Amino acid sequence: MNDQAQFFVGWGTLSLINAGLAQSKNRSGLLWWIASVAKRHRLARTHRLLWATWRAFVGTIEQTKAKPEP
């Protein structure tokens, strides 16, 4: 399966799950989906920030270990 097909399958699955959640709570499916996408985007940005910080921290530790002591 190519990347574009996987992309659409992922978003389609997200849409179906959100529609079910919205219906179970008597909410608008469209608004529920928009809120979910906004939340997912915010989490993705936070994840990238945490990942970059972690990699910088681990890189610093690895550089410290690699230096020979005089």
Protein backbone atom coordinates (compact mmCIF):
# COMPACT_ATOMS: atom_id res chain seq x y z
CA MET A 1 0.00 0.00 0.00
CA ASN A 2 1.47 3.37 -0.93
CA ASP A 3 1.84 6.34 1.42
CA GLN A 4 -1.12 8.27 0.02
CA ALA A 5 -3.48 5.33 0.48
CA GLN A 6 -2.28 4.83 4.07
CA PHE A 7 -2.83 8.54 4.70
CA PHE A 8 -6.46 8.32 3.59
CA VAL A 9 -7.07 5.09 5.49
CA GLY A 10 -5.74 6.72 8.67
CA TRP A 11 -7.88 9.83 8.34
CA GLY A 12 -10.90 7.75 7.35
CA THR A 13 -10.50 5.62 10.46
CA LEU A 14 -10.15 8.74 12.60
CA SER A 15 -13.33 10.15 11.04
CA LEU A 16 -15.34 6.99 11.72
CA ILE A 17 -14.19 6.79 15.33
CA ASN A 18 -15.03 10.45 15.86
CA ALA A 19 -18.45 10.04 14.28
CA GLY A 20 -19.23 7.17 16.66
CA LEU A 21 -18.05 9.16 19.68
CA ALA A 22 -20.06 12.20 18.62
CA GLN A 23 -23.21 10.15 18.13
CA SER A 24 -22.83 8.46 21.50
CA LYS A 25 -22.62 11.87 23.19
CA ASN A 26 -25.36 13.51 21.06
CA ARG A 27 -22.88 15.97 19.56
CA SER A 28 -22.27 17.30 16.07
CA GLY A 29 -20.01 14.92 14.15
CA LEU A 30 -18.39 17.69 12.13
CA LEU A 31 -17.53 19.82 15.17
CA TRP A 32 -16.26 16.77 17.04
CA TRP A 33 -13.99 15.89 14.09
CA ILE A 34 -12.64 19.46 13.80
CA ALA A 35 -11.85 19.49 17.53
CA SER A 36 -10.09 16.14 17.20
CA VAL A 37 -7.96 17.32 14.28
CA ALA A 38 -7.01 20.49 16.17
CA LYS A 39 -6.08 18.43 19.23
CA ARG A 40 -4.08 15.98 17.12
CA HIS A 41 -2.19 18.85 15.49
CA ARG A 42 -1.38 20.37 18.88
CA LEU A 43 -0.17 17.01 20.20
CA ALA A 44 1.99 16.51 17.12
CA ARG A 45 3.73 19.85 17.70
CA THR A 46 4.30 18.97 21.37
CA HIS A 47 5.63 15.56 20.38
CA ARG A 48 8.13 17.10 17.95
CA LEU A 49 9.33 19.54 20.61
CA LEU A 50 9.77 16.78 23.20
CA TRP A 51 11.51 14.51 20.68
CA ALA A 52 13.96 17.24 19.64
CA THR A 53 14.70 18.08 23.27
CA TRP A 54 15.23 14.41 24.11
CA ARG A 55 17.55 13.87 21.14
CA ALA A 56 19.60 16.95 22.10
CA PHE A 57 19.86 15.66 25.68
CA VAL A 58 20.86 12.15 24.62
CA GLY A 59 23.35 13.57 22.11
CA THR A 60 24.97 15.61 24.87
CA ILE A 61 25.27 12.54 27.07
CA GLU A 62 26.75 10.48 24.23
CA GLN A 63 29.29 13.20 23.45
CA THR A 64 30.28 13.36 27.12
CA LYS A 65 30.78 9.59 27.24
CA ALA A 66 32.81 9.60 24.03
CA LYS A 67 35.39 12.10 25.31
CA PRO A 68 38.48 10.38 26.71
CA GLU A 69 39.58 11.54 30.14
CA PRO A 70 43.02 13.22 30.27
